[in-house]
Amino acid sequence: YIGAMDEQAVNLVVEITHKKRSTKQVTCEYKPKNLKNHLKGAD
């Protein structure tokens, strides 16, 4: 599960997700969230 904590990181998250999906299963969260909510999303 890959996510961004602020708006400026979203593009980088999408780029990393695309590369990672060449070998791994990845869920990408486009909406910036705090760490606690990202952990809930991954769970």
All heavy atoms as atom14 arrays in JSON, in Angstrom:
{
  "sequence": "YIGAMDEQAVNLVVEITHKKRSTKQVTCEYKPKNLKNHLKGAD",
  "atom14_mask": [
    [1, 1, 1, 1, 1, 1, 1, 1, 1, 1, 1, 1, 0, 0],
    [1, 1, 1, 1, 1, 1, 1, 1, 0, 0, 0, 0, 0, 0],
    [1, 1, 1, 1, 0, 0, 0, 0, 0, 0, 0, 0, 0, 0],
    [1, 1, 1, 1, 1, 0, 0, 0, 0, 0, 0, 0, 0, 0],
    [1, 1, 1, 1, 1, 1, 1, 1, 0, 0, 0, 0, 0, 0],
    [1, 1, 1, 1, 1, 1, 1, 1, 0, 0, 0, 0, 0, 0],
    [1, 1, 1, 1, 1, 1, 1, 1, 1, 0, 0, 0, 0, 0],
    [1, 1, 1, 1, 1, 1, 1, 1, 1, 0, 0, 0, 0, 0],
    [1, 1, 1, 1, 1, 0, 0, 0, 0, 0, 0, 0, 0, 0],
    [1, 1, 1, 1, 1, 1, 1, 0, 0, 0, 0, 0, 0, 0],
    [1, 1, 1, 1, 1, 1, 1, 1, 0, 0, 0, 0, 0, 0],
    [1, 1, 1, 1, 1, 1, 1, 1, 0, 0, 0, 0, 0, 0],
    [1, 1, 1, 1, 1, 1, 1, 0, 0, 0, 0, 0, 0, 0],
    [1, 1, 1, 1, 1, 1, 1, 0, 0, 0, 0, 0, 0, 0],
    [1, 1, 1, 1, 1, 1, 1, 1, 1, 0, 0, 0, 0, 0],
    [1, 1, 1, 1, 1, 1, 1, 1, 0, 0, 0, 0, 0, 0],
    [1, 1, 1, 1, 1, 1, 1, 0, 0, 0, 0, 0, 0, 0],
    [1, 1, 1, 1, 1, 1, 1, 1, 1, 1, 0, 0, 0, 0],
    [1, 1, 1, 1, 1, 1, 1, 1, 1, 0, 0, 0, 0, 0],
    [1, 1, 1, 1, 1, 1, 1, 1, 1, 0, 0, 0, 0, 0],
    [1, 1, 1, 1, 1, 1, 1, 1, 1, 1, 1, 0, 0, 0],
    [1, 1, 1, 1, 1, 1, 0, 0, 0, 0, 0, 0, 0, 0],
    [1, 1, 1, 1, 1, 1, 1, 0, 0, 0, 0, 0, 0, 0],
    [1, 1, 1, 1, 1, 1, 1, 1, 1, 0, 0, 0, 0, 0],
    [1, 1, 1, 1, 1, 1, 1, 1, 1, 0, 0, 0, 0, 0],
    [1, 1, 1, 1, 1, 1, 1, 0, 0, 0, 0, 0, 0, 0],
    [1, 1, 1, 1, 1, 1, 1, 0, 0, 0, 0, 0, 0, 0],
    [1, 1, 1, 1, 1, 1, 0, 0, 0, 0, 0, 0, 0, 0],
    [1, 1, 1, 1, 1, 1, 1, 1, 1, 0, 0, 0, 0, 0],
    [1, 1, 1, 1, 1, 1, 1, 1, 1, 1, 1, 1, 0, 0],
    [1, 1, 1, 1, 1, 1, 1, 1, 1, 0, 0, 0, 0, 0],
    [1, 1, 1, 1, 1, 1, 1, 0, 0, 0, 0, 0, 0, 0],
    [1, 1, 1, 1, 1, 1, 1, 1, 1, 0, 0, 0, 0, 0],
    [1, 1, 1, 1, 1, 1, 1, 1, 0, 0, 0, 0, 0, 0],
    [1, 1, 1, 1, 1, 1, 1, 1, 0, 0, 0, 0, 0, 0],
    [1, 1, 1, 1, 1, 1, 1, 1, 1, 0, 0, 0, 0, 0],
    [1, 1, 1, 1, 1, 1, 1, 1, 0, 0, 0, 0, 0, 0],
    [1, 1, 1, 1, 1, 1, 1, 1, 1, 1, 0, 0, 0, 0],
    [1, 1, 1, 1, 1, 1, 1, 1, 0, 0, 0, 0, 0, 0],
    [1, 1, 1, 1, 1, 1, 1, 1, 1, 0, 0, 0, 0, 0],
    [1, 1, 1, 1, 0, 0, 0, 0, 0, 0, 0, 0, 0, 0],
    [1, 1, 1, 1, 1, 0, 0, 0, 0, 0, 0, 0, 0, 0],
    [1, 1, 1, 1, 1, 1, 1, 1, 0, 0, 0, 0, 0, 0]
  ],
  "atom14_positions": [
    [[0.89, -1.17, 0.0], [0.0, 0.0, 0.0], [0.92, 1.21, 0.0], [1.81, 1.32, 0.85], [-0.88, -0.01, 1.24], [-1.68, 1.24, 1.48], [-3.02, 1.32, 1.15], [-1.08, 2.37, 2.06], [-3.76, 2.48, 1.38], [-1.8, 3.53, 2.29], [-3.14, 3.59, 1.95], [-3.86, 4.74, 2.18], [0.0, 0.0, 0.0], [0.0, 0.0, 0.0]],
    [[0.74, 2.11, -0.96], [1.6, 3.29, -1.05], [0.74, 4.54, -1.06], [-0.23, 4.64, -1.83], [2.47, 3.25, -2.32], [3.32, 1.98, -2.35], [3.38, 4.48, -2.38], [4.19, 1.85, -3.6], [0.0, 0.0, 0.0], [0.0, 0.0, 0.0], [0.0, 0.0, 0.0], [0.0, 0.0, 0.0], [0.0, 0.0, 0.0], [0.0, 0.0, 0.0]],
    [[1.07, 5.51, -0.19], [0.28, 6.74, -0.09], [1.14, 7.96, 0.18], [2.3, 7.86, 0.57], [0.0, 0.0, 0.0], [0.0, 0.0, 0.0], [0.0, 0.0, 0.0], [0.0, 0.0, 0.0], [0.0, 0.0, 0.0], [0.0, 0.0, 0.0], [0.0, 0.0, 0.0], [0.0, 0.0, 0.0], [0.0, 0.0, 0.0], [0.0, 0.0, 0.0]],
    [[0.53, 9.11, -0.03], [1.21, 10.39, 0.19], [0.64, 11.07, 1.43], [-0.55, 10.94, 1.73], [1.05, 11.29, -1.03], [0.0, 0.0, 0.0], [0.0, 0.0, 0.0], [0.0, 0.0, 0.0], [0.0, 0.0, 0.0], [0.0, 0.0, 0.0], [0.0, 0.0, 0.0], [0.0, 0.0, 0.0], [0.0, 0.0, 0.0], [0.0, 0.0, 0.0]],
    [[1.52, 11.83, 2.14], [1.05, 12.56, 3.32], [0.72, 14.01, 3.0], [0.11, 14.7, 3.82], [2.1, 12.48, 4.43], [2.29, 11.06, 4.97], [3.34, 10.99, 6.42], [2.31, 11.78, 7.65], [0.0, 0.0, 0.0], [0.0, 0.0, 0.0], [0.0, 0.0, 0.0], [0.0, 0.0, 0.0], [0.0, 0.0, 0.0], [0.0, 0.0, 0.0]],
    [[1.12, 14.48, 1.82], [0.74, 15.83, 1.4], [0.62, 15.88, -0.12], [1.09, 14.97, -0.82], [1.73, 16.89, 1.91], [3.17, 16.55, 1.57], [3.46, 16.31, 0.38], [3.98, 16.5, 2.5], [0.0, 0.0, 0.0], [0.0, 0.0, 0.0], [0.0, 0.0, 0.0], [0.0, 0.0, 0.0], [0.0, 0.0, 0.0], [0.0, 0.0, 0.0]],
    [[0.02, 16.94, -0.6], [-0.31, 17.05, -2.02], [0.93, 16.99, -2.9], [0.89, 16.42, -4.0], [-1.07, 18.36, -2.26], [-1.75, 18.44, -3.62], [-2.94, 17.49, -3.74], [-3.72, 17.39, -2.77], [-3.06, 16.84, -4.8], [0.0, 0.0, 0.0], [0.0, 0.0, 0.0], [0.0, 0.0, 0.0], [0.0, 0.0, 0.0], [0.0, 0.0, 0.0]],
    [[2.04, 17.54, -2.44], [3.24, 17.6, -3.26], [3.84, 16.21, -3.54], [4.59, 16.02, -4.5], [4.32, 18.47, -2.58], [4.01, 19.96, -2.54], [2.9, 20.3, -1.56], [2.7, 19.6, -0.56], [2.17, 21.37, -1.84], [0.0, 0.0, 0.0], [0.0, 0.0, 0.0], [0.0, 0.0, 0.0], [0.0, 0.0, 0.0], [0.0, 0.0, 0.0]],
    [[3.47, 15.24, -2.71], [4.06, 13.9, -2.85], [3.23, 12.98, -3.74], [3.68, 11.88, -4.08], [4.23, 13.26, -1.47], [0.0, 0.0, 0.0], [0.0, 0.0, 0.0], [0.0, 0.0, 0.0], [0.0, 0.0, 0.0], [0.0, 0.0, 0.0], [0.0, 0.0, 0.0], [0.0, 0.0, 0.0], [0.0, 0.0, 0.0], [0.0, 0.0, 0.0]],
    [[2.05, 13.4, -4.14], [1.15, 12.51, -4.88], [1.76, 12.06, -6.2], [1.73, 10.87, -6.54], [-0.22, 13.2, -5.12], [-1.08, 12.35, -6.06], [-0.94, 13.42, -3.8], [0.0, 0.0, 0.0], [0.0, 0.0, 0.0], [0.0, 0.0, 0.0], [0.0, 0.0, 0.0], [0.0, 0.0, 0.0], [0.0, 0.0, 0.0], [0.0, 0.0, 0.0]],
    [[2.31, 12.98, -6.98], [2.89, 12.6, -8.27], [4.01, 11.58, -8.11], [4.13, 10.64, -8.9], [3.41, 13.84, -9.0], [2.29, 14.71, -9.55], [1.19, 14.22, -9.79], [2.57, 15.99, -9.74], [0.0, 0.0, 0.0], [0.0, 0.0, 0.0], [0.0, 0.0, 0.0], [0.0, 0.0, 0.0], [0.0, 0.0, 0.0], [0.0, 0.0, 0.0]],
    [[4.84, 11.78, -7.07], [5.92, 10.84, -6.82], [5.38, 9.47, -6.43], [5.89, 8.43, -6.87], [6.84, 11.38, -5.73], [8.06, 10.51, -5.36], [8.93, 10.26, -6.6], [8.88, 11.19, -4.25], [0.0, 0.0, 0.0], [0.0, 0.0, 0.0], [0.0, 0.0, 0.0], [0.0, 0.0, 0.0], [0.0, 0.0, 0.0], [0.0, 0.0, 0.0]],
    [[4.33, 9.47, -5.62], [3.7, 8.2, -5.2], [3.18, 7.44, -6.41], [3.37, 6.22, -6.53], [2.57, 8.48, -4.19], [1.64, 7.27, -4.08], [3.16, 8.81, -2.83], [0.0, 0.0, 0.0], [0.0, 0.0, 0.0], [0.0, 0.0, 0.0], [0.0, 0.0, 0.0], [0.0, 0.0, 0.0], [0.0, 0.0, 0.0], [0.0, 0.0, 0.0]],
    [[2.52, 8.14, -7.34], [1.98, 7.49, -8.54], [3.12, 6.93, -9.39], [3.03, 5.81, -9.92], [1.13, 8.48, -9.36], [0.74, 7.87, -10.7], [-0.11, 8.88, -8.57], [0.0, 0.0, 0.0], [0.0, 0.0, 0.0], [0.0, 0.0, 0.0], [0.0, 0.0, 0.0], [0.0, 0.0, 0.0], [0.0, 0.0, 0.0], [0.0, 0.0, 0.0]],
    [[4.21, 7.69, -9.51], [5.36, 7.23, -10.29], [5.98, 5.97, -9.68], [6.28, 5.0, -10.39], [6.4, 8.34, -10.34], [7.65, 7.98, -11.13], [8.7, 9.09, -11.09], [8.33, 10.25, -10.77], [9.88, 8.79, -11.35], [0.0, 0.0, 0.0], [0.0, 0.0, 0.0], [0.0, 0.0, 0.0], [0.0, 0.0, 0.0], [0.0, 0.0, 0.0]],
    [[6.15, 5.97, -8.38], [6.74, 4.81, -7.68], [5.81, 3.59, -7.79], [6.27, 2.47, -8.01], [7.0, 5.16, -6.2], [8.09, 6.23, -6.09], [7.4, 3.92, -5.41], [8.22, 6.8, -4.71], [0.0, 0.0, 0.0], [0.0, 0.0, 0.0], [0.0, 0.0, 0.0], [0.0, 0.0, 0.0], [0.0, 0.0, 0.0], [0.0, 0.0, 0.0]],
    [[4.51, 3.85, -7.65], [3.53, 2.77, -7.75], [3.62, 2.08, -9.11], [3.61, 0.85, -9.22], [2.1, 3.3, -7.53], [2.0, 3.8, -6.19], [1.07, 2.19, -7.74], [0.0, 0.0, 0.0], [0.0, 0.0, 0.0], [0.0, 0.0, 0.0], [0.0, 0.0, 0.0], [0.0, 0.0, 0.0], [0.0, 0.0, 0.0], [0.0, 0.0, 0.0]],
    [[3.69, 2.88, -10.18], [3.76, 2.32, -11.53], [4.97, 1.42, -11.69], [4.87, 0.32, -12.26], [3.81, 3.47, -12.55], [3.94, 3.0, -13.96], [2.95, 2.28, -14.61], [4.95, 3.14, -14.86], [3.35, 1.99, -15.83], [4.57, 2.5, -16.0], [0.0, 0.0, 0.0], [0.0, 0.0, 0.0], [0.0, 0.0, 0.0], [0.0, 0.0, 0.0]],
    [[6.13, 1.85, -11.19], [7.34, 1.03, -11.29], [7.23, -0.23, -10.45], [7.63, -1.32, -10.87], [8.56, 1.86, -10.85], [8.91, 3.0, -11.79], [10.12, 3.78, -11.29], [10.46, 4.92, -12.25], [11.62, 5.73, -11.76], [0.0, 0.0, 0.0], [0.0, 0.0, 0.0], [0.0, 0.0, 0.0], [0.0, 0.0, 0.0], [0.0, 0.0, 0.0]],
    [[6.67, -0.1, -9.28], [6.58, -1.25, -8.37], [5.63, -2.31, -8.89], [5.83, -3.51, -8.68], [6.11, -0.76, -6.98], [6.39, -1.73, -5.85], [7.87, -1.82, -5.56], [8.14, -2.69, -4.35], [9.6, -2.86, -4.12], [0.0, 0.0, 0.0], [0.0, 0.0, 0.0], [0.0, 0.0, 0.0], [0.0, 0.0, 0.0], [0.0, 0.0, 0.0]],
    [[4.61, -1.87, -9.62], [3.61, -2.82, -10.14], [4.17, -3.73, -11.24], [3.5, -4.68, -11.63], [2.38, -2.06, -10.66], [1.43, -1.65, -9.55], [0.29, -0.83, -10.07], [-0.69, -0.55, -9.01], [-1.57, 0.45, -9.04], [-1.57, 1.28, -10.09], [-2.41, 0.62, -8.04], [0.0, 0.0, 0.0], [0.0, 0.0, 0.0], [0.0, 0.0, 0.0]],
    [[5.35, -3.44, -11.72], [5.94, -4.33, -12.72], [6.3, -5.69, -12.12], [6.42, -6.68, -12.83], [7.19, -3.69, -13.33], [8.21, -3.52, -12.34], [0.0, 0.0, 0.0], [0.0, 0.0, 0.0], [0.0, 0.0, 0.0], [0.0, 0.0, 0.0], [0.0, 0.0, 0.0], [0.0, 0.0, 0.0], [0.0, 0.0, 0.0], [0.0, 0.0, 0.0]],
    [[6.43, -5.73, -10.79], [6.79, -7.0, -10.13], [5.92, -7.32, -8.92], [5.89, -8.46, -8.47], [8.26, -6.99, -9.67], [8.48, -5.88, -8.79], [9.2, -6.89, -10.87], [0.0, 0.0, 0.0], [0.0, 0.0, 0.0], [0.0, 0.0, 0.0], [0.0, 0.0, 0.0], [0.0, 0.0, 0.0], [0.0, 0.0, 0.0], [0.0, 0.0, 0.0]],
    [[5.22, -6.32, -8.37], [4.49, -6.54, -7.13], [3.04, -6.07, -7.23], [2.69, -5.26, -8.08], [5.16, -5.79, -5.96], [6.62, -6.16, -5.72], [6.76, -7.6, -5.23], [8.24, -7.93, -4.95], [8.42, -9.32, -4.5], [0.0, 0.0, 0.0], [0.0, 0.0, 0.0], [0.0, 0.0, 0.0], [0.0, 0.0, 0.0], [0.0, 0.0, 0.0]],
    [[2.21, -6.59, -6.33], [0.82, -6.13, -6.2], [0.83, -4.86, -5.35], [1.36, -4.86, -4.23], [-0.01, -7.22, -5.52], [-1.43, -6.78, -5.15], [-2.12, -7.8, -4.27], [-1.8, -8.98, -4.29], [-3.07, -7.35, -3.47], [0.0, 0.0, 0.0], [0.0, 0.0, 0.0], [0.0, 0.0, 0.0], [0.0, 0.0, 0.0], [0.0, 0.0, 0.0]],
    [[0.26, -3.78, -5.88], [0.31, -2.49, -5.18], [-1.05, -1.81, -5.19], [-1.71, -1.72, -6.23], [1.35, -1.54, -5.82], [1.42, -0.24, -5.02], [2.72, -2.19, -5.88], [0.0, 0.0, 0.0], [0.0, 0.0, 0.0], [0.0, 0.0, 0.0], [0.0, 0.0, 0.0], [0.0, 0.0, 0.0], [0.0, 0.0, 0.0], [0.0, 0.0, 0.0]],
    [[-1.47, -1.33, -4.03], [-2.64, -0.46, -3.91], [-2.13, 0.96, -3.72], [-1.3, 1.22, -2.85], [-3.52, -0.86, -2.71], [-4.02, -2.18, -2.91], [-4.69, 0.11, -2.55], [0.0, 0.0, 0.0], [0.0, 0.0, 0.0], [0.0, 0.0, 0.0], [0.0, 0.0, 0.0], [0.0, 0.0, 0.0], [0.0, 0.0, 0.0], [0.0, 0.0, 0.0]],
    [[-2.62, 1.87, -4.54], [-2.16, 3.26, -4.48], [-3.29, 4.16, -3.95], [-4.41, 4.1, -4.45], [-1.71, 3.74, -5.86], [-1.07, 5.43, -5.88], [0.0, 0.0, 0.0], [0.0, 0.0, 0.0], [0.0, 0.0, 0.0], [0.0, 0.0, 0.0], [0.0, 0.0, 0.0], [0.0, 0.0, 0.0], [0.0, 0.0, 0.0], [0.0, 0.0, 0.0]],
    [[-2.98, 4.96, -2.95], [-3.93, 5.93, -2.42], [-3.55, 7.32, -2.94], [-2.48, 7.83, -2.63], [-3.92, 5.91, -0.9], [-4.78, 6.97, -0.25], [-6.22, 6.96, -0.74], [-6.93, 5.97, -0.49], [-6.63, 7.94, -1.41], [0.0, 0.0, 0.0], [0.0, 0.0, 0.0], [0.0, 0.0, 0.0], [0.0, 0.0, 0.0], [0.0, 0.0, 0.0]],
    [[-4.41, 7.93, -3.75], [-4.09, 9.22, -4.37], [-4.35, 10.4, -3.42], [-3.75, 11.46, -3.57], [-4.94, 9.43, -5.63], [-4.87, 8.28, -6.61], [-6.02, 7.6, -6.98], [-3.67, 7.88, -7.17], [-5.96, 6.54, -7.88], [-3.59, 6.83, -8.06], [-4.75, 6.17, -8.41], [-4.68, 5.12, -9.3], [0.0, 0.0, 0.0], [0.0, 0.0, 0.0]],
    [[-5.23, 10.23, -2.46], [-5.59, 11.33, -1.58], [-4.6, 11.44, -0.43], [-4.35, 10.47, 0.27], [-7.0, 11.1, -1.04], [-7.53, 12.26, -0.22], [-8.97, 11.99, 0.22], [-9.52, 13.15, 1.03], [-10.9, 12.9, 1.47], [0.0, 0.0, 0.0], [0.0, 0.0, 0.0], [0.0, 0.0, 0.0], [0.0, 0.0, 0.0], [0.0, 0.0, 0.0]],
    [[-4.02, 12.61, -0.21], [-3.09, 12.77, 0.92], [-3.8, 12.52, 2.25], [-4.93, 12.99, 2.47], [-2.64, 14.23, 0.8], [-2.89, 14.6, -0.62], [-4.12, 13.83, -1.02], [0.0, 0.0, 0.0], [0.0, 0.0, 0.0], [0.0, 0.0, 0.0], [0.0, 0.0, 0.0], [0.0, 0.0, 0.0], [0.0, 0.0, 0.0], [0.0, 0.0, 0.0]],
    [[-3.13, 11.79, 3.15], [-3.7, 11.47, 4.46], [-2.59, 11.47, 5.49], [-1.39, 11.37, 5.15], [-4.37, 10.1, 4.44], [-5.58, 9.98, 3.52], [-6.16, 8.58, 3.59], [-7.38, 8.46, 2.68], [-7.97, 7.1, 2.74], [0.0, 0.0, 0.0], [0.0, 0.0, 0.0], [0.0, 0.0, 0.0], [0.0, 0.0, 0.0], [0.0, 0.0, 0.0]],
    [[-2.98, 11.49, 6.76], [-1.97, 11.36, 7.8], [-1.6, 9.89, 7.97], [-2.25, 9.0, 7.41], [-2.44, 11.98, 9.13], [-3.72, 11.31, 9.65], [-3.91, 10.11, 9.5], [-4.58, 12.1, 10.29], [0.0, 0.0, 0.0], [0.0, 0.0, 0.0], [0.0, 0.0, 0.0], [0.0, 0.0, 0.0], [0.0, 0.0, 0.0], [0.0, 0.0, 0.0]],
    [[-0.56, 9.62, 8.71], [-0.02, 8.27, 8.84], [-1.05, 7.3, 9.41], [-1.19, 6.17, 8.93], [1.23, 8.28, 9.72], [1.92, 6.93, 9.93], [2.32, 6.32, 8.6], [3.13, 7.08, 10.85], [0.0, 0.0, 0.0], [0.0, 0.0, 0.0], [0.0, 0.0, 0.0], [0.0, 0.0, 0.0], [0.0, 0.0, 0.0], [0.0, 0.0, 0.0]],
    [[-1.8, 7.74, 10.4], [-2.78, 6.86, 11.03], [-3.81, 6.37, 10.02], [-4.15, 5.18, 9.97], [-3.48, 7.61, 12.18], [-4.51, 6.76, 12.91], [-5.15, 7.56, 14.04], [-6.2, 6.73, 14.77], [-6.84, 7.51, 15.88], [0.0, 0.0, 0.0], [0.0, 0.0, 0.0], [0.0, 0.0, 0.0], [0.0, 0.0, 0.0], [0.0, 0.0, 0.0]],
    [[-4.29, 7.25, 9.16], [-5.3, 6.86, 8.16], [-4.7, 6.0, 7.05], [-5.38, 5.14, 6.5], [-5.95, 8.11, 7.57], [-6.94, 8.74, 8.53], [-7.56, 8.05, 9.34], [-7.07, 10.06, 8.47], [0.0, 0.0, 0.0], [0.0, 0.0, 0.0], [0.0, 0.0, 0.0], [0.0, 0.0, 0.0], [0.0, 0.0, 0.0], [0.0, 0.0, 0.0]],
    [[-3.44, 6.24, 6.72], [-2.78, 5.37, 5.74], [-2.64, 3.95, 6.29], [-2.84, 2.97, 5.56], [-1.41, 5.92, 5.37], [-1.45, 6.98, 4.3], [-2.15, 6.84, 3.12], [-0.89, 8.24, 4.25], [-2.0, 7.92, 2.38], [-1.26, 8.8, 3.05], [0.0, 0.0, 0.0], [0.0, 0.0, 0.0], [0.0, 0.0, 0.0], [0.0, 0.0, 0.0]],
    [[-2.32, 3.82, 7.56], [-2.2, 2.5, 8.18], [-3.56, 1.79, 8.17], [-3.64, 0.57, 7.93], [-1.67, 2.62, 9.61], [-0.19, 2.98, 9.72], [0.17, 3.34, 11.16], [0.67, 1.81, 9.24], [0.0, 0.0, 0.0], [0.0, 0.0, 0.0], [0.0, 0.0, 0.0], [0.0, 0.0, 0.0], [0.0, 0.0, 0.0], [0.0, 0.0, 0.0]],
    [[-4.62, 2.56, 8.41], [-5.97, 1.97, 8.34], [-6.28, 1.5, 6.91], [-6.87, 0.44, 6.71], [-7.01, 2.99, 8.79], [-7.03, 3.26, 10.28], [-8.13, 4.26, 10.62], [-8.19, 4.52, 12.13], [-9.25, 5.52, 12.47], [0.0, 0.0, 0.0], [0.0, 0.0, 0.0], [0.0, 0.0, 0.0], [0.0, 0.0, 0.0], [0.0, 0.0, 0.0]],
    [[-5.88, 2.32, 5.92], [-6.12, 1.95, 4.53], [-5.38, 0.69, 4.14], [-5.91, -0.18, 3.43], [0.0, 0.0, 0.0], [0.0, 0.0, 0.0], [0.0, 0.0, 0.0], [0.0, 0.0, 0.0], [0.0, 0.0, 0.0], [0.0, 0.0, 0.0], [0.0, 0.0, 0.0], [0.0, 0.0, 0.0], [0.0, 0.0, 0.0], [0.0, 0.0, 0.0]],
    [[-4.11, 0.57, 4.57], [-3.32, -0.62, 4.28], [-3.93, -1.85, 4.93], [-3.96, -2.94, 4.36], [-1.89, -0.42, 4.74], [0.0, 0.0, 0.0], [0.0, 0.0, 0.0], [0.0, 0.0, 0.0], [0.0, 0.0, 0.0], [0.0, 0.0, 0.0], [0.0, 0.0, 0.0], [0.0, 0.0, 0.0], [0.0, 0.0, 0.0], [0.0, 0.0, 0.0]],
    [[-4.43, -1.66, 6.14], [-5.05, -2.78, 6.86], [-6.34, -3.23, 6.17], [-6.64, -4.42, 6.1], [-5.33, -2.34, 8.3], [-5.64, -3.52, 9.2], [-4.82, -4.46, 9.26], [-6.71, -3.52, 9.84], [0.0, 0.0, 0.0], [0.0, 0.0, 0.0], [0.0, 0.0, 0.0], [0.0, 0.0, 0.0], [0.0, 0.0, 0.0], [0.0, 0.0, 0.0]]
  ]
}
